[in-house]
Amino acid sequence: MIVMQPVLEIYTPGGFDLWPVAEIEPFGFLPLSGELSPAEVGTAVMRIADCNDIDPDGDRPPRPSDAHASFLHGLLTFDTLFAAGGLRVTDTSTGVTFLPSCCDGLEDWRDWHAFVHGEHLIGFGHDPVSPVAERSGDSIRLTVNAEQSDSPVIELPATELGHLLTGVEQDLTDFLALAVDWASRQLPDHCAPVAAALARVLDLPRPTES
């Protein structure tokens, strides 16, 4: 069976104490879905905010003094947001896993739709690890590392990949609903802008206010 999951690459800044987060192996991947615990949601929001936690310059307003507002500043003010990760594909029958790499980001997950509907190749990294997705006719070939001639691969029909992407969108939608509920409790003063920013980085419709 082929499984596709939206994942975040996790790295927790040392001494982070703005809200509860889960213990996850550094540089491991956290699958996003509606099944996460509150601490895991906190970890995901922390990681997405941390990916965009860059000192202001240009036209962006100065960083606020409040600790929460300061950490969230990039997430709430950048026009283009980034989330380390992407889509992880696993063939459970062979144990082969296709992982996001350095030229990938979860915010670009919809690029896979263009691939299903006509693009012939997507590269997700470069030496020393270069995951590549290639399409030939109605067949998809995912090469774990194109730098290796004997790299493991995952092969599947394009129609199956389309169905998997529908599942990815549902996982992200369910995660966003969890994150909005989490923010209403953990970040009540920033809930609406955080919800809007998360929707932007996940390329999903902005959640409606309850």
C-alpha atoms as a PDB file:
ATOM      1  CA  MET A   1       0.000   0.000   0.000  1.00  0.00           C
ATOM      2  CA  ILE A   2       1.188   3.526  -0.798  1.00  0.00           C
ATOM      3  CA  VAL A   3       0.731   6.148   1.937  1.00  0.00           C
ATOM      4  CA  MET A   4       1.220   9.893   1.420  1.00  0.00           C
ATOM      5  CA  GLN A   5       1.380  12.316   4.364  1.00  0.00           C
ATOM      6  CA  PRO A   6       2.010  16.053   4.746  1.00  0.00           C
ATOM      7  CA  VAL A   7       4.929  16.372   7.171  1.00  0.00           C
ATOM      8  CA  LEU A   8       6.896  19.074   8.967  1.00  0.00           C
ATOM      9  CA  GLU A   9      10.615  18.693   9.591  1.00  0.00           C
ATOM     10  CA  ILE A  10      10.918  19.323  13.315  1.00  0.00           C
ATOM     11  CA  TYR A  11      13.564  21.253  15.187  1.00  0.00           C
ATOM     12  CA  THR A  12      12.710  22.716  18.595  1.00  0.00           C
ATOM     13  CA  PRO A  13      14.684  25.823  19.616  1.00  0.00           C
ATOM     14  CA  GLY A  14      16.492  25.305  22.909  1.00  0.00           C
ATOM     15  CA  GLY A  15      14.618  26.636  25.911  1.00  0.00           C
ATOM     16  CA  PHE A  16      11.349  27.175  24.054  1.00  0.00           C
ATOM     17  CA  ASP A  17       8.685  27.871  26.699  1.00  0.00           C
ATOM     18  CA  LEU A  18       6.036  30.053  25.086  1.00  0.00           C
ATOM     19  CA  TRP A  19       3.540  27.159  25.020  1.00  0.00           C
ATOM     20  CA  PRO A  20       3.589  23.372  25.577  1.00  0.00           C
ATOM     21  CA  VAL A  21       5.273  21.323  22.833  1.00  0.00           C
ATOM     22  CA  ALA A  22       5.785  17.590  22.346  1.00  0.00           C
ATOM     23  CA  GLU A  23       9.099  15.772  22.558  1.00  0.00           C
ATOM     24  CA  ILE A  24       9.936  14.842  18.972  1.00  0.00           C
ATOM     25  CA  GLU A  25      13.283  13.644  17.664  1.00  0.00           C
ATOM     26  CA  PRO A  26      15.205  16.613  16.177  1.00  0.00           C
ATOM     27  CA  PHE A  27      15.096  16.691  12.381  1.00  0.00           C
ATOM     28  CA  GLY A  28      12.427  14.005  12.400  1.00  0.00           C
ATOM     29  CA  PHE A  29       9.141  14.479  10.554  1.00  0.00           C
ATOM     30  CA  LEU A  30       5.781  15.195  12.181  1.00  0.00           C
ATOM     31  CA  PRO A  31       2.787  14.085  10.057  1.00  0.00           C
ATOM     32  CA  LEU A  32      -0.009  16.656  10.100  1.00  0.00           C
ATOM     33  CA  SER A  33      -3.584  15.473  10.482  1.00  0.00           C
ATOM     34  CA  GLY A  34      -6.620  15.809  12.689  1.00  0.00           C
ATOM     35  CA  GLU A  35      -5.248  13.161  15.034  1.00  0.00           C
ATOM     36  CA  LEU A  36      -2.537  15.253  16.724  1.00  0.00           C
ATOM     37  CA  SER A  37      -2.453  15.868  20.463  1.00  0.00           C
ATOM     38  CA  PRO A  38      -2.553  19.480  21.714  1.00  0.00           C
ATOM     39  CA  ALA A  39       1.191  19.329  22.434  1.00  0.00           C
ATOM     40  CA  GLU A  40       1.872  18.063  18.903  1.00  0.00           C
ATOM     41  CA  VAL A  41      -0.238  20.881  17.456  1.00  0.00           C
ATOM     42  CA  GLY A  42       1.802  23.280  19.593  1.00  0.00           C
ATOM     43  CA  THR A  43       4.974  21.758  18.153  1.00  0.00           C
ATOM     44  CA  ALA A  44       3.709  22.188  14.596  1.00  0.00           C
ATOM     45  CA  VAL A  45       2.708  25.822  15.134  1.00  0.00           C
ATOM     46  CA  MET A  46       6.034  26.487  16.856  1.00  0.00           C
ATOM     47  CA  ARG A  47       7.954  24.991  13.943  1.00  0.00           C
ATOM     48  CA  ILE A  48       6.046  26.912  11.274  1.00  0.00           C
ATOM     49  CA  ALA A  49       6.504  30.158  13.209  1.00  0.00           C
ATOM     50  CA  ASP A  50      10.194  29.380  13.765  1.00  0.00           C
ATOM     51  CA  CYS A  51      10.733  28.820  10.020  1.00  0.00           C
ATOM     52  CA  ASN A  52       9.637  32.429   9.506  1.00  0.00           C
ATOM     53  CA  ASP A  53      11.227  33.969  12.612  1.00  0.00           C
ATOM     54  CA  ILE A  54      13.586  36.345  10.803  1.00  0.00           C
ATOM     55  CA  ASP A  55      14.396  39.867  11.938  1.00  0.00           C
ATOM     56  CA  PRO A  56      12.317  42.510  10.154  1.00  0.00           C
ATOM     57  CA  ASP A  57      13.765  44.578   7.341  1.00  0.00           C
ATOM     58  CA  GLY A  58      12.476  46.634   4.440  1.00  0.00           C
ATOM     59  CA  ASP A  59       8.790  47.491   4.759  1.00  0.00           C
ATOM     60  CA  ARG A  60       7.978  45.101   7.581  1.00  0.00           C
ATOM     61  CA  PRO A  61       7.110  46.658  10.953  1.00  0.00           C
ATOM     62  CA  PRO A  62       9.588  46.324  13.854  1.00  0.00           C
ATOM     63  CA  ARG A  63       9.520  43.258  16.077  1.00  0.00           C
ATOM     64  CA  PRO A  64       7.210  43.751  19.103  1.00  0.00           C
ATOM     65  CA  SER A  65       8.569  43.511  22.631  1.00  0.00           C
ATOM     66  CA  ASP A  66       5.964  41.000  23.830  1.00  0.00           C
ATOM     67  CA  ALA A  67       7.498  37.504  23.733  1.00  0.00           C
ATOM     68  CA  HIS A  68       4.594  35.796  21.949  1.00  0.00           C
ATOM     69  CA  ALA A  69       4.105  38.614  19.453  1.00  0.00           C
ATOM     70  CA  SER A  70       7.851  38.735  18.802  1.00  0.00           C
ATOM     71  CA  PHE A  71       8.124  35.022  18.028  1.00  0.00           C
ATOM     72  CA  LEU A  72       5.028  35.127  15.810  1.00  0.00           C
ATOM     73  CA  HIS A  73       6.075  38.340  14.053  1.00  0.00           C
ATOM     74  CA  GLY A  74       7.518  36.745  10.914  1.00  0.00           C
ATOM     75  CA  LEU A  75       4.596  34.343  10.564  1.00  0.00           C
ATOM     76  CA  LEU A  76       2.154  37.241  10.772  1.00  0.00           C
ATOM     77  CA  THR A  77       4.006  39.791   8.610  1.00  0.00           C
ATOM     78  CA  PHE A  78       5.828  37.952   5.808  1.00  0.00           C
ATOM     79  CA  ASP A  79       4.098  38.002   2.432  1.00  0.00           C
ATOM     80  CA  THR A  80       5.592  34.632   1.479  1.00  0.00           C
ATOM     81  CA  LEU A  81       5.703  31.979   4.196  1.00  0.00           C
ATOM     82  CA  PHE A  82       7.817  28.822   4.445  1.00  0.00           C
ATOM     83  CA  ALA A  83       7.312  25.544   6.295  1.00  0.00           C
ATOM     84  CA  ALA A  84      10.170  23.027   6.344  1.00  0.00           C
ATOM     85  CA  GLY A  85       8.875  19.675   5.129  1.00  0.00           C
ATOM     86  CA  GLY A  86       6.643  18.537   2.309  1.00  0.00           C
ATOM     87  CA  LEU A  87       4.939  15.296   1.360  1.00  0.00           C
ATOM     88  CA  ARG A  88       6.250  11.938   2.561  1.00  0.00           C
ATOM     89  CA  VAL A  89       5.406   8.866   0.497  1.00  0.00           C
ATOM     90  CA  THR A  90       5.808   5.370   1.899  1.00  0.00           C
ATOM     91  CA  ASP A  91       5.395   2.010   0.175  1.00  0.00           C
ATOM     92  CA  THR A  92       4.405  -0.190   3.097  1.00  0.00           C
ATOM     93  CA  SER A  93       4.940  -3.371   1.076  1.00  0.00           C
ATOM     94  CA  THR A  94       8.635  -2.646   0.469  1.00  0.00           C
ATOM     95  CA  GLY A  95       9.466  -0.233   3.286  1.00  0.00           C
ATOM     96  CA  VAL A  96      10.737   2.396   0.831  1.00  0.00           C
ATOM     97  CA  THR A  97      10.105   6.001   1.930  1.00  0.00           C
ATOM     98  CA  PHE A  98      10.337   9.077  -0.278  1.00  0.00           C
ATOM     99  CA  LEU A  99      11.143  12.114   1.905  1.00  0.00           C
ATOM    100  CA  PRO A 100      11.079  15.893   1.398  1.00  0.00           C
ATOM    101  CA  SER A 101      14.509  17.443   0.936  1.00  0.00           C
ATOM    102  CA  CYS A 102      16.274  20.809   0.967  1.00  0.00           C
ATOM    103  CA  CYS A 103      14.508  22.308  -2.057  1.00  0.00           C
ATOM    104  CA  ASP A 104      11.076  21.320  -0.792  1.00  0.00           C
ATOM    105  CA  GLY A 105       8.589  23.039   1.480  1.00  0.00           C
ATOM    106  CA  LEU A 106       5.134  22.150   2.732  1.00  0.00           C
ATOM    107  CA  GLU A 107       3.809  25.439   1.339  1.00  0.00           C
ATOM    108  CA  ASP A 108       4.446  24.069  -2.168  1.00  0.00           C
ATOM    109  CA  TRP A 109       2.477  20.847  -1.732  1.00  0.00           C
ATOM    110  CA  ARG A 110       0.006  21.788  -4.487  1.00  0.00           C
ATOM    111  CA  ASP A 111       2.857  21.570  -7.021  1.00  0.00           C
ATOM    112  CA  TRP A 112       2.158  17.835  -6.932  1.00  0.00           C
ATOM    113  CA  HIS A 113      -1.225  18.515  -8.563  1.00  0.00           C
ATOM    114  CA  ALA A 114       0.467  20.152 -11.566  1.00  0.00           C
ATOM    115  CA  PHE A 115       2.737  17.121 -11.722  1.00  0.00           C
ATOM    116  CA  VAL A 116      -0.225  14.727 -11.776  1.00  0.00           C
ATOM    117  CA  HIS A 117      -1.891  16.721 -14.530  1.00  0.00           C
ATOM    118  CA  GLY A 118       1.007  17.112 -16.929  1.00  0.00           C
ATOM    119  CA  GLU A 119       4.397  18.089 -15.499  1.00  0.00           C
ATOM    120  CA  HIS A 120       7.025  15.445 -16.250  1.00  0.00           C
ATOM    121  CA  LEU A 121       9.561  15.972 -13.447  1.00  0.00           C
ATOM    122  CA  ILE A 122       9.906  17.618 -10.042  1.00  0.00           C
ATOM    123  CA  GLY A 123      13.212  17.759  -8.156  1.00  0.00           C
ATOM    124  CA  PHE A 124      13.114  18.181  -4.387  1.00  0.00           C
ATOM    125  CA  GLY A 125      16.789  18.521  -3.520  1.00  0.00           C
ATOM    126  CA  HIS A 126      20.373  18.429  -4.702  1.00  0.00           C
ATOM    127  CA  ASP A 127      23.606  16.575  -3.964  1.00  0.00           C
ATOM    128  CA  PRO A 128      24.029  14.627  -1.713  1.00  0.00           C
ATOM    129  CA  VAL A 129      20.306  13.725  -1.579  1.00  0.00           C
ATOM    130  CA  SER A 130      18.135  14.462  -4.607  1.00  0.00           C
ATOM    131  CA  PRO A 131      14.601  13.065  -4.454  1.00  0.00           C
ATOM    132  CA  VAL A 132      12.974  13.191  -7.895  1.00  0.00           C
ATOM    133  CA  ALA A 133       9.418  12.552  -9.097  1.00  0.00           C
ATOM    134  CA  GLU A 134       9.073  11.603 -12.772  1.00  0.00           C
ATOM    135  CA  ARG A 135       6.024  10.948 -14.899  1.00  0.00           C
ATOM    136  CA  SER A 136       5.987   8.700 -17.960  1.00  0.00           C
ATOM    137  CA  GLY A 137       2.553   8.395 -19.518  1.00  0.00           C
ATOM    138  CA  ASP A 138       0.192   7.296 -16.766  1.00  0.00           C
ATOM    139  CA  SER A 139       2.958   6.037 -14.464  1.00  0.00           C
ATOM    140  CA  ILE A 140       4.725   7.865 -11.627  1.00  0.00           C
ATOM    141  CA  ARG A 141       8.227   6.986 -10.460  1.00  0.00           C
ATOM    142  CA  LEU A 142       9.549   8.436  -7.203  1.00  0.00           C
ATOM    143  CA  THR A 143      13.321   8.074  -6.859  1.00  0.00           C
ATOM    144  CA  VAL A 144      14.532   8.436  -3.273  1.00  0.00           C
ATOM    145  CA  ASN A 145      17.959   9.744  -4.294  1.00  0.00           C
ATOM    146  CA  ALA A 146      18.732  10.411  -7.967  1.00  0.00           C
ATOM    147  CA  GLU A 147      22.431  10.771  -7.048  1.00  0.00           C
ATOM    148  CA  GLN A 148      22.572   6.975  -6.604  1.00  0.00           C
ATOM    149  CA  SER A 149      22.213   4.659  -9.590  1.00  0.00           C
ATOM    150  CA  ASP A 150      20.728   1.948  -7.355  1.00  0.00           C
ATOM    151  CA  SER A 151      18.399   4.255  -5.420  1.00  0.00           C
ATOM    152  CA  PRO A 152      15.183   2.742  -4.051  1.00  0.00           C
ATOM    153  CA  VAL A 153      12.087   3.829  -5.976  1.00  0.00           C
ATOM    154  CA  ILE A 154       8.319   3.884  -5.532  1.00  0.00           C
ATOM    155  CA  GLU A 155       6.133   3.370  -8.599  1.00  0.00           C
ATOM    156  CA  LEU A 156       2.401   4.012  -8.821  1.00  0.00           C
ATOM    157  CA  PRO A 157      -0.281   5.063 -11.339  1.00  0.00           C
ATOM    158  CA  ALA A 158      -0.931   8.785 -11.756  1.00  0.00           C
ATOM    159  CA  THR A 159      -4.581   8.219 -10.856  1.00  0.00           C
ATOM    160  CA  GLU A 160      -3.549   6.747  -7.497  1.00  0.00           C
ATOM    161  CA  LEU A 161      -1.330   9.750  -6.798  1.00  0.00           C
ATOM    162  CA  GLY A 162      -4.328  11.993  -7.477  1.00  0.00           C
ATOM    163  CA  HIS A 163      -6.356  10.094  -4.860  1.00  0.00           C
ATOM    164  CA  LEU A 164      -3.463  10.343  -2.386  1.00  0.00           C
ATOM    165  CA  LEU A 165      -3.349  14.110  -2.841  1.00  0.00           C
ATOM    166  CA  THR A 166      -7.041  14.302  -1.984  1.00  0.00           C
ATOM    167  CA  GLY A 167      -6.175  12.580   1.294  1.00  0.00           C
ATOM    168  CA  VAL A 168      -3.302  15.024   1.881  1.00  0.00           C
ATOM    169  CA  GLU A 169      -5.658  17.978   1.495  1.00  0.00           C
ATOM    170  CA  GLN A 170      -8.065  16.419   3.986  1.00  0.00           C
ATOM    171  CA  ASP A 171      -5.225  15.836   6.486  1.00  0.00           C
ATOM    172  CA  LEU A 172      -4.123  19.468   6.168  1.00  0.00           C
ATOM    173  CA  THR A 173      -7.696  20.730   6.468  1.00  0.00           C
ATOM    174  CA  ASP A 174      -8.225  18.658   9.611  1.00  0.00           C
ATOM    175  CA  PHE A 175      -4.916  19.865  11.056  1.00  0.00           C
ATOM    176  CA  LEU A 176      -5.824  23.492  10.359  1.00  0.00           C
ATOM    177  CA  ALA A 177      -9.113  23.058  12.229  1.00  0.00           C
ATOM    178  CA  LEU A 178      -7.198  21.627  15.203  1.00  0.00           C
ATOM    179  CA  ALA A 179      -4.651  24.430  15.055  1.00  0.00           C
ATOM    180  CA  VAL A 180      -7.332  27.124  15.011  1.00  0.00           C
ATOM    181  CA  ASP A 181      -8.980  25.574  18.073  1.00  0.00           C
ATOM    182  CA  TRP A 182      -5.563  25.276  19.745  1.00  0.00           C
ATOM    183  CA  ALA A 183      -4.770  28.930  19.005  1.00  0.00           C
ATOM    184  CA  SER A 184      -8.081  30.053  20.484  1.00  0.00           C
ATOM    185  CA  ARG A 185      -6.921  28.582  23.793  1.00  0.00           C
ATOM    186  CA  GLN A 186      -3.146  29.069  23.731  1.00  0.00           C
ATOM    187  CA  LEU A 187      -2.929  32.347  21.768  1.00  0.00           C
ATOM    188  CA  PRO A 188      -6.276  34.090  22.293  1.00  0.00           C
ATOM    189  CA  ASP A 189      -4.807  37.535  21.535  1.00  0.00           C
ATOM    190  CA  HIS A 190      -3.389  36.317  18.208  1.00  0.00           C
ATOM    191  CA  CYS A 191      -5.866  33.608  17.193  1.00  0.00           C
ATOM    192  CA  ALA A 192      -7.357  35.223  14.075  1.00  0.00           C
ATOM    193  CA  PRO A 193      -4.061  36.314  12.455  1.00  0.00           C
ATOM    194  CA  VAL A 194      -2.376  33.008  13.343  1.00  0.00           C
ATOM    195  CA  ALA A 195      -5.273  31.075  11.788  1.00  0.00           C
ATOM    196  CA  ALA A 196      -5.049  33.182   8.632  1.00  0.00           C
ATOM    197  CA  ALA A 197      -1.274  32.749   8.420  1.00  0.00           C
ATOM    198  CA  LEU A 198      -1.485  28.975   8.864  1.00  0.00           C
ATOM    199  CA  ALA A 199      -4.098  28.806   6.121  1.00  0.00           C
ATOM    200  CA  ARG A 200      -1.772  30.764   3.817  1.00  0.00           C
ATOM    201  CA  VAL A 201       1.271  28.596   4.464  1.00  0.00           C
ATOM    202  CA  LEU A 202      -0.794  25.434   3.965  1.00  0.00           C
ATOM    203  CA  ASP A 203      -2.437  26.923   0.842  1.00  0.00           C
ATOM    204  CA  LEU A 204      -5.926  26.299   2.190  1.00  0.00           C
ATOM    205  CA  PRO A 205      -9.033  28.496   2.406  1.00  0.00           C
ATOM    206  CA  ARG A 206      -8.964  30.863   5.353  1.00  0.00           C
ATOM    207  CA  PRO A 207     -10.980  29.300   8.177  1.00  0.00           C
ATOM    208  CA  THR A 208     -14.274  30.954   8.996  1.00  0.00           C
ATOM    209  CA  GLU A 209     -14.651  32.435  12.452  1.00  0.00           C
ATOM    210  CA  SER A 210     -16.942  30.479  14.741  1.00  0.00           C
END
